[in-house]
Amino acid sequence: FPPSGRDHAYYRPLVGASYSVDAALFGARAG
């Protein structure tokens, strides 16, 4: 999660990387 306060101590880089691939293919289209 984007840093905000002291919450969400999650390290999930492969999930973020999958969003990056989706962003390259689909931009901001949810489908």
PDB file of all heavy atoms in Angstrom:
ATOM      1  N   PHE A   1       0.835  -1.193   0.000  1.00  0.00           N
ATOM      2  CA  PHE A   1       0.000   0.000   0.000  1.00  0.00           C
ATOM      3  C   PHE A   1       0.871   1.246   0.000  1.00  0.00           C
ATOM      4  O   PHE A   1       1.948   1.246   0.598  1.00  0.00           O
ATOM      5  CB  PHE A   1      -0.908   0.030   1.236  1.00  0.00           C
ATOM      6  CG  PHE A   1      -2.114  -0.852   1.129  1.00  0.00           C
ATOM      7  CD1 PHE A   1      -2.111  -2.116   1.700  1.00  0.00           C
ATOM      8  CD2 PHE A   1      -3.244  -0.429   0.460  1.00  0.00           C
ATOM      9  CE1 PHE A   1      -3.219  -2.941   1.602  1.00  0.00           C
ATOM     10  CE2 PHE A   1      -4.362  -1.240   0.358  1.00  0.00           C
ATOM     11  CZ  PHE A   1      -4.346  -2.495   0.927  1.00  0.00           C
ATOM     12  N   PRO A   2       0.450   2.308  -0.666  1.00  0.00           N
ATOM     13  CA  PRO A   2       1.192   3.571  -0.596  1.00  0.00           C
ATOM     14  C   PRO A   2       1.332   4.005   0.852  1.00  0.00           C
ATOM     15  O   PRO A   2       0.377   3.876   1.632  1.00  0.00           O
ATOM     16  CB  PRO A   2       0.315   4.549  -1.388  1.00  0.00           C
ATOM     17  CG  PRO A   2      -0.518   3.686  -2.266  1.00  0.00           C
ATOM     18  CD  PRO A   2      -0.761   2.418  -1.505  1.00  0.00           C
ATOM     19  N   PRO A   3       2.515   4.484   1.256  1.00  0.00           N
ATOM     20  CA  PRO A   3       2.716   4.873   2.656  1.00  0.00           C
ATOM     21  C   PRO A   3       1.701   5.921   3.090  1.00  0.00           C
ATOM     22  O   PRO A   3       1.508   6.933   2.426  1.00  0.00           O
ATOM     23  CB  PRO A   3       4.133   5.447   2.657  1.00  0.00           C
ATOM     24  CG  PRO A   3       4.801   4.827   1.475  1.00  0.00           C
ATOM     25  CD  PRO A   3       3.718   4.668   0.445  1.00  0.00           C
ATOM     26  N   SER A   4       1.038   5.645   4.201  1.00  0.00           N
ATOM     27  CA  SER A   4       0.103   6.608   4.778  1.00  0.00           C
ATOM     28  C   SER A   4      -0.009   6.292   6.256  1.00  0.00           C
ATOM     29  O   SER A   4      -0.562   5.273   6.634  1.00  0.00           O
ATOM     30  CB  SER A   4      -1.270   6.519   4.109  1.00  0.00           C
ATOM     31  OG  SER A   4      -1.805   5.233   4.250  1.00  0.00           O
ATOM     32  N   GLY A   5       0.539   7.146   7.057  1.00  0.00           N
ATOM     33  CA  GLY A   5       0.533   6.899   8.488  1.00  0.00           C
ATOM     34  C   GLY A   5       1.416   5.717   8.826  1.00  0.00           C
ATOM     35  O   GLY A   5       2.502   5.550   8.291  1.00  0.00           O
ATOM     36  N   ARG A   6       0.936   4.838   9.717  1.00  0.00           N
ATOM     37  CA  ARG A   6       1.750   3.709  10.184  1.00  0.00           C
ATOM     38  C   ARG A   6       1.010   2.392   9.966  1.00  0.00           C
ATOM     39  O   ARG A   6       1.253   1.410  10.655  1.00  0.00           O
ATOM     40  CB  ARG A   6       2.077   3.895  11.662  1.00  0.00           C
ATOM     41  CG  ARG A   6       2.798   5.197  11.968  1.00  0.00           C
ATOM     42  CD  ARG A   6       2.865   5.448  13.465  1.00  0.00           C
ATOM     43  NE  ARG A   6       3.717   4.470  14.122  1.00  0.00           N
ATOM     44  CZ  ARG A   6       3.722   4.264  15.436  1.00  0.00           C
ATOM     45  NH1 ARG A   6       2.915   4.931  16.215  1.00  0.00           N
ATOM     46  NH2 ARG A   6       4.542   3.373  15.974  1.00  0.00           N
ATOM     47  N   ASP A   7       0.099   2.385   8.987  1.00  0.00           N
ATOM     48  CA  ASP A   7      -0.720   1.197   8.766  1.00  0.00           C
ATOM     49  C   ASP A   7      -0.183   0.346   7.613  1.00  0.00           C
ATOM     50  O   ASP A   7       0.641   0.784   6.826  1.00  0.00           O
ATOM     51  CB  ASP A   7      -2.170   1.591   8.446  1.00  0.00           C
ATOM     52  CG  ASP A   7      -2.834   2.272   9.626  1.00  0.00           C
ATOM     53  OD1 ASP A   7      -2.307   2.134  10.741  1.00  0.00           O
ATOM     54  OD2 ASP A   7      -3.853   2.950   9.421  1.00  0.00           O
ATOM     55  N   HIS A   8      -0.702  -0.879   7.537  1.00  0.00           N
ATOM     56  CA  HIS A   8      -0.491  -1.750   6.381  1.00  0.00           C
ATOM     57  C   HIS A   8       0.973  -2.147   6.200  1.00  0.00           C
ATOM     58  O   HIS A   8       1.646  -1.709   5.280  1.00  0.00           O
ATOM     59  CB  HIS A   8      -1.009  -1.087   5.107  1.00  0.00           C
ATOM     60  CG  HIS A   8      -2.448  -0.692   5.162  1.00  0.00           C
ATOM     61  ND1 HIS A   8      -3.427  -1.555   5.573  1.00  0.00           N
ATOM     62  CD2 HIS A   8      -3.065   0.482   4.875  1.00  0.00           C
ATOM     63  CE1 HIS A   8      -4.600  -0.941   5.520  1.00  0.00           C
ATOM     64  NE2 HIS A   8      -4.411   0.294   5.112  1.00  0.00           N
ATOM     65  N   ALA A   9       1.469  -2.978   7.096  1.00  0.00           N
ATOM     66  CA  ALA A   9       2.847  -3.472   6.987  1.00  0.00           C
ATOM     67  C   ALA A   9       2.866  -4.691   6.068  1.00  0.00           C
ATOM     68  O   ALA A   9       3.133  -5.808   6.492  1.00  0.00           O
ATOM     69  CB  ALA A   9       3.394  -3.825   8.365  1.00  0.00           C
ATOM     70  N   TYR A  10       2.575  -4.458   4.794  1.00  0.00           N
ATOM     71  CA  TYR A  10       2.494  -5.537   3.822  1.00  0.00           C
ATOM     72  C   TYR A  10       3.581  -5.357   2.761  1.00  0.00           C
ATOM     73  O   TYR A  10       3.706  -4.285   2.172  1.00  0.00           O
ATOM     74  CB  TYR A  10       1.123  -5.560   3.135  1.00  0.00           C
ATOM     75  CG  TYR A  10      -0.045  -5.727   4.076  1.00  0.00           C
ATOM     76  CD1 TYR A  10      -1.228  -5.039   3.855  1.00  0.00           C
ATOM     77  CD2 TYR A  10       0.027  -6.580   5.178  1.00  0.00           C
ATOM     78  CE1 TYR A  10      -2.317  -5.186   4.707  1.00  0.00           C
ATOM     79  CE2 TYR A  10      -1.048  -6.738   6.033  1.00  0.00           C
ATOM     80  CZ  TYR A  10      -2.220  -6.037   5.797  1.00  0.00           C
ATOM     81  OH  TYR A  10      -3.287  -6.181   6.630  1.00  0.00           O
ATOM     82  N   TYR A  11       4.300  -6.456   2.510  1.00  0.00           N
ATOM     83  CA  TYR A  11       5.291  -6.470   1.431  1.00  0.00           C
ATOM     84  C   TYR A  11       4.859  -7.548   0.450  1.00  0.00           C
ATOM     85  O   TYR A  11       5.036  -8.743   0.698  1.00  0.00           O
ATOM     86  CB  TYR A  11       6.684  -6.751   1.991  1.00  0.00           C
ATOM     87  CG  TYR A  11       7.769  -6.756   0.933  1.00  0.00           C
ATOM     88  CD1 TYR A  11       8.025  -5.610   0.180  1.00  0.00           C
ATOM     89  CD2 TYR A  11       8.530  -7.894   0.681  1.00  0.00           C
ATOM     90  CE1 TYR A  11       9.019  -5.606  -0.789  1.00  0.00           C
ATOM     91  CE2 TYR A  11       9.524  -7.891  -0.282  1.00  0.00           C
ATOM     92  CZ  TYR A  11       9.751  -6.748  -1.021  1.00  0.00           C
ATOM     93  OH  TYR A  11      10.736  -6.732  -1.988  1.00  0.00           O
ATOM     94  N   ARG A  12       4.262  -7.143  -0.663  1.00  0.00           N
ATOM     95  CA  ARG A  12       3.703  -8.068  -1.644  1.00  0.00           C
ATOM     96  C   ARG A  12       4.106  -7.635  -3.057  1.00  0.00           C
ATOM     97  O   ARG A  12       3.265  -7.265  -3.880  1.00  0.00           O
ATOM     98  CB  ARG A  12       2.176  -8.114  -1.502  1.00  0.00           C
ATOM     99  CG  ARG A  12       1.721  -8.550  -0.112  1.00  0.00           C
ATOM    100  CD  ARG A  12       0.242  -8.375   0.098  1.00  0.00           C
ATOM    101  NE  ARG A  12      -0.168  -8.815   1.428  1.00  0.00           N
ATOM    102  CZ  ARG A  12      -1.394  -8.697   1.920  1.00  0.00           C
ATOM    103  NH1 ARG A  12      -2.354  -8.123   1.191  1.00  0.00           N
ATOM    104  NH2 ARG A  12      -1.670  -9.119   3.147  1.00  0.00           N
ATOM    105  N   PRO A  13       5.384  -7.693  -3.348  1.00  0.00           N
ATOM    106  CA  PRO A  13       5.860  -7.106  -4.607  1.00  0.00           C
ATOM    107  C   PRO A  13       5.363  -7.811  -5.854  1.00  0.00           C
ATOM    108  O   PRO A  13       5.190  -7.165  -6.895  1.00  0.00           O
ATOM    109  CB  PRO A  13       7.385  -7.205  -4.485  1.00  0.00           C
ATOM    110  CG  PRO A  13       7.617  -8.303  -3.499  1.00  0.00           C
ATOM    111  CD  PRO A  13       6.491  -8.220  -2.526  1.00  0.00           C
ATOM    112  N   LEU A  14       5.144  -9.123  -5.808  1.00  0.00           N
ATOM    113  CA  LEU A  14       4.674  -9.804  -7.017  1.00  0.00           C
ATOM    114  C   LEU A  14       3.249  -9.392  -7.372  1.00  0.00           C
ATOM    115  O   LEU A  14       2.884  -9.354  -8.546  1.00  0.00           O
ATOM    116  CB  LEU A  14       4.762 -11.319  -6.845  1.00  0.00           C
ATOM    117  CG  LEU A  14       6.152 -11.936  -7.026  1.00  0.00           C
ATOM    118  CD1 LEU A  14       6.058 -13.453  -6.969  1.00  0.00           C
ATOM    119  CD2 LEU A  14       6.783 -11.506  -8.346  1.00  0.00           C
ATOM    120  N   VAL A  15       2.459  -9.073  -6.355  1.00  0.00           N
ATOM    121  CA  VAL A  15       1.115  -8.566  -6.638  1.00  0.00           C
ATOM    122  C   VAL A  15       1.212  -7.207  -7.305  1.00  0.00           C
ATOM    123  O   VAL A  15       0.544  -6.935  -8.314  1.00  0.00           O
ATOM    124  CB  VAL A  15       0.283  -8.480  -5.348  1.00  0.00           C
ATOM    125  CG1 VAL A  15      -1.137  -8.013  -5.667  1.00  0.00           C
ATOM    126  CG2 VAL A  15       0.251  -9.818  -4.633  1.00  0.00           C
ATOM    127  N   GLY A  16       2.062  -6.333  -6.759  1.00  0.00           N
ATOM    128  CA  GLY A  16       2.262  -5.031  -7.382  1.00  0.00           C
ATOM    129  C   GLY A  16       2.789  -5.148  -8.796  1.00  0.00           C
ATOM    130  O   GLY A  16       2.388  -4.392  -9.695  1.00  0.00           O
ATOM    131  N   ALA A  17       3.700  -6.104  -9.012  1.00  0.00           N
ATOM    132  CA  ALA A  17       4.238  -6.301 -10.359  1.00  0.00           C
ATOM    133  C   ALA A  17       3.150  -6.765 -11.319  1.00  0.00           C
ATOM    134  O   ALA A  17       3.127  -6.376 -12.498  1.00  0.00           O
ATOM    135  CB  ALA A  17       5.374  -7.322 -10.318  1.00  0.00           C
ATOM    136  N   SER A  18       2.208  -7.594 -10.836  1.00  0.00           N
ATOM    137  CA  SER A  18       1.112  -8.030 -11.698  1.00  0.00           C
ATOM    138  C   SER A  18       0.204  -6.851 -12.057  1.00  0.00           C
ATOM    139  O   SER A  18      -0.293  -6.766 -13.186  1.00  0.00           O
ATOM    140  CB  SER A  18       0.311  -9.142 -11.021  1.00  0.00           C
ATOM    141  OG  SER A  18      -0.496  -8.646  -9.972  1.00  0.00           O
ATOM    142  N   TYR A  19      -0.001  -5.929 -11.111  1.00  0.00           N
ATOM    143  CA  TYR A  19      -0.762  -4.718 -11.429  1.00  0.00           C
ATOM    144  C   TYR A  19      -0.023  -3.882 -12.474  1.00  0.00           C
ATOM    145  O   TYR A  19      -0.650  -3.257 -13.336  1.00  0.00           O
ATOM    146  CB  TYR A  19      -0.972  -3.878 -10.177  1.00  0.00           C
ATOM    147  CG  TYR A  19      -1.856  -4.481  -9.117  1.00  0.00           C
ATOM    148  CD1 TYR A  19      -1.650  -4.198  -7.767  1.00  0.00           C
ATOM    149  CD2 TYR A  19      -2.910  -5.328  -9.449  1.00  0.00           C
ATOM    150  CE1 TYR A  19      -2.459  -4.739  -6.786  1.00  0.00           C
ATOM    151  CE2 TYR A  19      -3.723  -5.876  -8.473  1.00  0.00           C
ATOM    152  CZ  TYR A  19      -3.491  -5.581  -7.132  1.00  0.00           C
ATOM    153  OH  TYR A  19      -4.292  -6.113  -6.158  1.00  0.00           O
ATOM    154  N   SER A  20       1.291  -3.870 -12.399  1.00  0.00           N
ATOM    155  CA  SER A  20       2.086  -3.109 -13.363  1.00  0.00           C
ATOM    156  C   SER A  20       1.918  -3.678 -14.769  1.00  0.00           C
ATOM    157  O   SER A  20       1.784  -2.928 -15.743  1.00  0.00           O
ATOM    158  CB  SER A  20       3.564  -3.120 -12.948  1.00  0.00           C
ATOM    159  OG  SER A  20       4.353  -2.403 -13.863  1.00  0.00           O
ATOM    160  N   VAL A  21       1.923  -5.005 -14.881  1.00  0.00           N
ATOM    161  CA  VAL A  21       1.703  -5.632 -16.191  1.00  0.00           C
ATOM    162  C   VAL A  21       0.311  -5.294 -16.706  1.00  0.00           C
ATOM    163  O   VAL A  21       0.125  -4.962 -17.888  1.00  0.00           O
ATOM    164  CB  VAL A  21       1.907  -7.154 -16.096  1.00  0.00           C
ATOM    165  CG1 VAL A  21       1.516  -7.828 -17.402  1.00  0.00           C
ATOM    166  CG2 VAL A  21       3.351  -7.477 -15.748  1.00  0.00           C
ATOM    167  N   ASP A  22      -0.677  -5.373 -15.814  1.00  0.00           N
ATOM    168  CA  ASP A  22      -2.041  -5.019 -16.219  1.00  0.00           C
ATOM    169  C   ASP A  22      -2.124  -3.565 -16.663  1.00  0.00           C
ATOM    170  O   ASP A  22      -2.832  -3.238 -17.628  1.00  0.00           O
ATOM    171  CB  ASP A  22      -3.009  -5.254 -15.058  1.00  0.00           C
ATOM    172  CG  ASP A  22      -3.332  -6.727 -14.856  1.00  0.00           C
ATOM    173  OD1 ASP A  22      -3.024  -7.525 -15.758  1.00  0.00           O
ATOM    174  OD2 ASP A  22      -3.893  -7.075 -13.805  1.00  0.00           O
ATOM    175  N   ALA A  23      -1.422  -2.683 -15.944  1.00  0.00           N
ATOM    176  CA  ALA A  23      -1.452  -1.263 -16.302  1.00  0.00           C
ATOM    177  C   ALA A  23      -0.868  -1.044 -17.685  1.00  0.00           C
ATOM    178  O   ALA A  23      -1.351  -0.198 -18.454  1.00  0.00           O
ATOM    179  CB  ALA A  23      -0.679  -0.445 -15.262  1.00  0.00           C
ATOM    180  N   ALA A  24       0.175  -1.806 -18.031  1.00  0.00           N
ATOM    181  CA  ALA A  24       0.764  -1.680 -19.360  1.00  0.00           C
ATOM    182  C   ALA A  24      -0.199  -2.149 -20.441  1.00  0.00           C
ATOM    183  O   ALA A  24      -0.250  -1.584 -21.542  1.00  0.00           O
ATOM    184  CB  ALA A  24       2.066  -2.481 -19.423  1.00  0.00           C
ATOM    185  N   LEU A  25      -0.986  -3.181 -20.130  1.00  0.00           N
ATOM    186  CA  LEU A  25      -1.883  -3.756 -21.126  1.00  0.00           C
ATOM    187  C   LEU A  25      -3.232  -3.046 -21.197  1.00  0.00           C
ATOM    188  O   LEU A  25      -3.807  -2.897 -22.284  1.00  0.00           O
ATOM    189  CB  LEU A  25      -2.109  -5.238 -20.823  1.00  0.00           C
ATOM    190  CG  LEU A  25      -0.879  -6.150 -20.924  1.00  0.00           C
ATOM    191  CD1 LEU A  25      -1.229  -7.551 -20.441  1.00  0.00           C
ATOM    192  CD2 LEU A  25      -0.351  -6.200 -22.339  1.00  0.00           C
ATOM    193  N   PHE A  26      -3.729  -2.626 -20.037  1.00  0.00           N
ATOM    194  CA  PHE A  26      -5.112  -2.143 -19.979  1.00  0.00           C
ATOM    195  C   PHE A  26      -5.254  -0.718 -19.452  1.00  0.00           C
ATOM    196  O   PHE A  26      -6.372  -0.193 -19.432  1.00  0.00           O
ATOM    197  CB  PHE A  26      -5.952  -3.075 -19.095  1.00  0.00           C
ATOM    198  CG  PHE A  26      -5.782  -4.535 -19.421  1.00  0.00           C
ATOM    199  CD1 PHE A  26      -5.149  -5.387 -18.536  1.00  0.00           C
ATOM    200  CD2 PHE A  26      -6.239  -5.053 -20.619  1.00  0.00           C
ATOM    201  CE1 PHE A  26      -4.980  -6.728 -18.826  1.00  0.00           C
ATOM    202  CE2 PHE A  26      -6.077  -6.395 -20.924  1.00  0.00           C
ATOM    203  CZ  PHE A  26      -5.446  -7.239 -20.030  1.00  0.00           C
ATOM    204  N   GLY A  27      -4.155  -0.115 -19.000  1.00  0.00           N
ATOM    205  CA  GLY A  27      -4.257   1.228 -18.450  1.00  0.00           C
ATOM    206  C   GLY A  27      -5.133   1.239 -17.217  1.00  0.00           C
ATOM    207  O   GLY A  27      -4.948   0.441 -16.298  1.00  0.00           O
ATOM    208  N   ALA A  28      -6.105   2.141 -17.171  1.00  0.00           N
ATOM    209  CA  ALA A  28      -7.006   2.245 -16.026  1.00  0.00           C
ATOM    210  C   ALA A  28      -8.360   1.603 -16.313  1.00  0.00           C
ATOM    211  O   ALA A  28      -9.360   1.932 -15.667  1.00  0.00           O
ATOM    212  CB  ALA A  28      -7.189   3.707 -15.630  1.00  0.00           C
ATOM    213  N   ARG A  29      -8.415   0.660 -17.272  1.00  0.00           N
ATOM    214  CA  ARG A  29      -9.658  -0.043 -17.587  1.00  0.00           C
ATOM    215  C   ARG A  29      -9.786  -1.270 -16.688  1.00  0.00           C
ATOM    216  O   ARG A  29      -8.957  -2.174 -16.731  1.00  0.00           O
ATOM    217  CB  ARG A  29      -9.708  -0.436 -19.061  1.00  0.00           C
ATOM    218  CG  ARG A  29      -9.677   0.765 -20.016  1.00  0.00           C
ATOM    219  CD  ARG A  29      -9.899   0.332 -21.451  1.00  0.00           C
ATOM    220  NE  ARG A  29      -8.826  -0.525 -21.931  1.00  0.00           N
ATOM    221  CZ  ARG A  29      -7.672  -0.087 -22.428  1.00  0.00           C
ATOM    222  NH1 ARG A  29      -7.447   1.229 -22.511  1.00  0.00           N
ATOM    223  NH2 ARG A  29      -6.760  -0.925 -22.858  1.00  0.00           N
ATOM    224  N   ALA A  30     -10.833  -1.282 -15.886  1.00  0.00           N
ATOM    225  CA  ALA A  30     -10.971  -2.299 -14.850  1.00  0.00           C
ATOM    226  C   ALA A  30     -11.089  -3.712 -15.413  1.00  0.00           C
ATOM    227  O   ALA A  30     -10.649  -4.678 -14.778  1.00  0.00           O
ATOM    228  CB  ALA A  30     -12.190  -1.995 -13.981  1.00  0.00           C
ATOM    229  N   GLY A  31     -11.664  -3.862 -16.607  1.00  0.00           N
ATOM    230  CA  GLY A  31     -11.914  -5.186 -17.150  1.00  0.00           C
ATOM    231  C   GLY A  31     -10.667  -6.044 -17.269  1.00  0.00           C
ATOM    232  O   GLY A  31     -10.713  -7.257 -17.018  1.00  0.00           O
TER     233      GLY A  31
END
